[in-house]
Amino acid sequence: MSWNLENKVVTGRYLGQFPIVGTVTESRVKYGGKVCNTIVLEFPIEVYGATRDVVLMDSEELVVV
């Protein structure tokens, strides 16, 4: 699997507890070699009182649909 997930639909758990489904708009390599993805959510989630429609997640936290 390639490290670049742009335009792919992914699922995962934001902060380990909030289930998400969305499309990756950007994949980039962070300092240290990990890959970080910007994900536009299909359905906004509420995280500790704040509504989020875009999240940043590492590739190891995601499953490509």
N, C-alpha and C. Protein backbone atom coordinates (compact mmCIF):
# COMPACT_ATOMS: atom_id res chain seq x y z
N MET A 1 0.84 -1.18 0.00
CA MET A 1 0.00 0.00 0.00
C MET A 1 0.89 1.24 0.00
N SER A 2 0.51 2.20 -0.79
CA SER A 2 1.25 3.46 -0.88
C SER A 2 0.98 4.32 0.35
N TRP A 3 1.92 5.19 0.68
CA TRP A 3 1.73 6.09 1.82
C TRP A 3 0.76 7.22 1.49
N ASN A 4 0.60 7.53 0.19
CA ASN A 4 -0.27 8.62 -0.23
C ASN A 4 -1.71 8.12 -0.37
N LEU A 5 -2.59 8.58 0.52
CA LEU A 5 -3.99 8.15 0.53
C LEU A 5 -4.94 9.21 -0.04
N GLU A 6 -4.41 10.22 -0.73
CA GLU A 6 -5.27 11.29 -1.25
C GLU A 6 -6.38 10.73 -2.13
N ASN A 7 -7.59 11.28 -1.93
CA ASN A 7 -8.81 10.92 -2.65
C ASN A 7 -9.35 9.54 -2.31
N LYS A 8 -8.85 8.90 -1.27
CA LYS A 8 -9.35 7.60 -0.84
C LYS A 8 -10.33 7.80 0.31
N VAL A 9 -11.34 6.93 0.38
CA VAL A 9 -12.29 6.93 1.48
C VAL A 9 -11.73 6.04 2.59
N VAL A 10 -11.71 6.56 3.81
CA VAL A 10 -11.12 5.85 4.94
C VAL A 10 -12.07 5.84 6.13
N THR A 11 -11.84 4.89 7.03
CA THR A 11 -12.54 4.84 8.31
C THR A 11 -11.49 4.75 9.40
N GLY A 12 -11.90 5.05 10.62
CA GLY A 12 -10.99 4.96 11.75
C GLY A 12 -11.65 5.49 13.00
N ARG A 13 -10.83 5.65 14.04
CA ARG A 13 -11.32 6.20 15.31
C ARG A 13 -10.46 7.39 15.67
N TYR A 14 -11.05 8.59 15.62
CA TYR A 14 -10.36 9.82 15.97
C TYR A 14 -10.11 9.83 17.48
N LEU A 15 -8.89 10.08 17.89
CA LEU A 15 -8.47 10.06 19.29
C LEU A 15 -8.76 8.72 19.96
N GLY A 16 -8.87 7.67 19.15
CA GLY A 16 -9.09 6.33 19.68
C GLY A 16 -10.49 6.03 20.12
N GLN A 17 -11.44 6.99 19.99
CA GLN A 17 -12.79 6.72 20.49
C GLN A 17 -13.93 7.25 19.63
N PHE A 18 -13.69 8.17 18.71
CA PHE A 18 -14.76 8.74 17.90
C PHE A 18 -14.69 8.14 16.49
N PRO A 19 -15.67 7.28 16.11
CA PRO A 19 -15.63 6.67 14.78
C PRO A 19 -15.82 7.71 13.68
N ILE A 20 -15.02 7.61 12.61
CA ILE A 20 -15.10 8.55 11.51
C ILE A 20 -15.13 7.81 10.17
N VAL A 21 -15.73 8.47 9.18
CA VAL A 21 -15.69 8.05 7.77
C VAL A 21 -15.48 9.32 6.98
N GLY A 22 -14.51 9.30 6.06
CA GLY A 22 -14.26 10.51 5.29
C GLY A 22 -13.30 10.27 4.13
N THR A 23 -13.00 11.35 3.42
CA THR A 23 -12.12 11.31 2.26
C THR A 23 -10.84 12.07 2.58
N VAL A 24 -9.71 11.46 2.25
CA VAL A 24 -8.40 12.08 2.49
C VAL A 24 -8.17 13.15 1.42
N THR A 25 -7.91 14.38 1.87
CA THR A 25 -7.62 15.47 0.93
C THR A 25 -6.14 15.76 0.82
N GLU A 26 -5.36 15.34 1.83
CA GLU A 26 -3.91 15.57 1.79
C GLU A 26 -3.20 14.52 2.64
N SER A 27 -2.12 13.98 2.13
CA SER A 27 -1.23 13.09 2.88
C SER A 27 0.16 13.73 2.86
N ARG A 28 0.80 13.79 4.03
CA ARG A 28 2.13 14.38 4.07
C ARG A 28 2.98 13.63 5.09
N VAL A 29 4.27 13.64 4.86
CA VAL A 29 5.21 12.99 5.77
C VAL A 29 5.63 14.02 6.82
N LYS A 30 5.41 13.68 8.08
CA LYS A 30 5.79 14.55 9.18
C LYS A 30 7.26 14.36 9.52
N TYR A 31 7.81 15.31 10.25
CA TYR A 31 9.18 15.18 10.77
C TYR A 31 9.24 13.91 11.60
N GLY A 32 10.14 13.03 11.31
CA GLY A 32 10.25 11.76 12.01
C GLY A 32 9.78 10.58 11.17
N GLY A 33 9.12 10.87 10.02
CA GLY A 33 8.78 9.81 9.09
C GLY A 33 7.36 9.31 9.10
N LYS A 34 6.54 9.70 10.08
CA LYS A 34 5.14 9.26 10.08
C LYS A 34 4.34 10.04 9.05
N VAL A 35 3.27 9.41 8.55
CA VAL A 35 2.41 10.05 7.55
C VAL A 35 1.16 10.57 8.24
N CYS A 36 0.84 11.84 8.00
CA CYS A 36 -0.34 12.48 8.55
C CYS A 36 -1.31 12.77 7.41
N ASN A 37 -2.60 12.53 7.64
CA ASN A 37 -3.63 12.72 6.62
C ASN A 37 -4.67 13.73 7.08
N THR A 38 -5.06 14.61 6.17
CA THR A 38 -6.17 15.52 6.42
C THR A 38 -7.41 14.85 5.85
N ILE A 39 -8.45 14.70 6.68
CA ILE A 39 -9.65 13.96 6.28
C ILE A 39 -10.87 14.85 6.42
N VAL A 40 -11.62 14.99 5.32
CA VAL A 40 -12.90 15.69 5.34
C VAL A 40 -13.95 14.64 5.66
N LEU A 41 -14.67 14.82 6.75
CA LEU A 41 -15.63 13.83 7.22
C LEU A 41 -16.93 13.86 6.43
N GLU A 42 -17.51 12.67 6.21
CA GLU A 42 -18.83 12.59 5.57
C GLU A 42 -19.90 13.10 6.52
N PHE A 43 -19.73 12.82 7.81
CA PHE A 43 -20.67 13.25 8.84
C PHE A 43 -19.87 13.92 9.95
N PRO A 44 -20.17 15.18 10.27
CA PRO A 44 -19.43 15.86 11.35
C PRO A 44 -19.57 15.10 12.67
N ILE A 45 -18.55 15.20 13.51
CA ILE A 45 -18.58 14.57 14.83
C ILE A 45 -18.43 15.65 15.90
N GLU A 46 -18.92 15.35 17.09
CA GLU A 46 -18.74 16.27 18.21
C GLU A 46 -17.68 15.69 19.13
N VAL A 47 -16.63 16.48 19.35
CA VAL A 47 -15.50 16.04 20.18
C VAL A 47 -15.36 17.02 21.34
N TYR A 48 -15.67 16.55 22.53
CA TYR A 48 -15.57 17.37 23.74
C TYR A 48 -16.25 18.73 23.58
N GLY A 49 -17.46 18.72 23.02
CA GLY A 49 -18.26 19.93 22.89
C GLY A 49 -18.00 20.75 21.64
N ALA A 50 -17.04 20.37 20.81
CA ALA A 50 -16.75 21.10 19.56
C ALA A 50 -17.08 20.20 18.37
N THR A 51 -17.77 20.76 17.37
CA THR A 51 -18.11 20.02 16.17
C THR A 51 -16.94 20.07 15.19
N ARG A 52 -16.57 18.92 14.66
CA ARG A 52 -15.46 18.83 13.70
C ARG A 52 -15.97 18.25 12.39
N ASP A 53 -15.55 18.87 11.27
CA ASP A 53 -15.86 18.31 9.96
C ASP A 53 -14.59 17.96 9.19
N VAL A 54 -13.42 18.32 9.76
CA VAL A 54 -12.11 17.96 9.21
C VAL A 54 -11.23 17.53 10.38
N VAL A 55 -10.50 16.43 10.20
CA VAL A 55 -9.59 15.95 11.25
C VAL A 55 -8.24 15.58 10.64
N LEU A 56 -7.21 15.55 11.47
CA LEU A 56 -5.87 15.08 11.09
C LEU A 56 -5.62 13.76 11.81
N MET A 57 -5.20 12.75 11.04
CA MET A 57 -4.93 11.44 11.64
C MET A 57 -3.72 10.80 10.99
N ASP A 58 -2.97 10.03 11.78
CA ASP A 58 -1.85 9.26 11.25
C ASP A 58 -2.37 8.06 10.47
N SER A 59 -1.60 7.61 9.49
CA SER A 59 -2.02 6.49 8.63
C SER A 59 -2.26 5.21 9.40
N GLU A 60 -1.51 4.96 10.47
CA GLU A 60 -1.69 3.70 11.21
C GLU A 60 -3.03 3.64 11.92
N GLU A 61 -3.74 4.77 12.05
CA GLU A 61 -5.05 4.80 12.69
C GLU A 61 -6.20 4.61 11.70
N LEU A 62 -5.89 4.44 10.41
CA LEU A 62 -6.91 4.43 9.36
C LEU A 62 -7.03 3.07 8.68
N VAL A 63 -8.23 2.81 8.14
CA VAL A 63 -8.49 1.66 7.29
C VAL A 63 -9.02 2.21 5.98
N VAL A 64 -8.42 1.83 4.85
CA VAL A 64 -8.89 2.29 3.53
C VAL A 64 -10.08 1.43 3.13
N VAL A 65 -11.18 2.10 2.75
CA VAL A 65 -12.41 1.39 2.36
C VAL A 65 -12.32 0.99 0.91
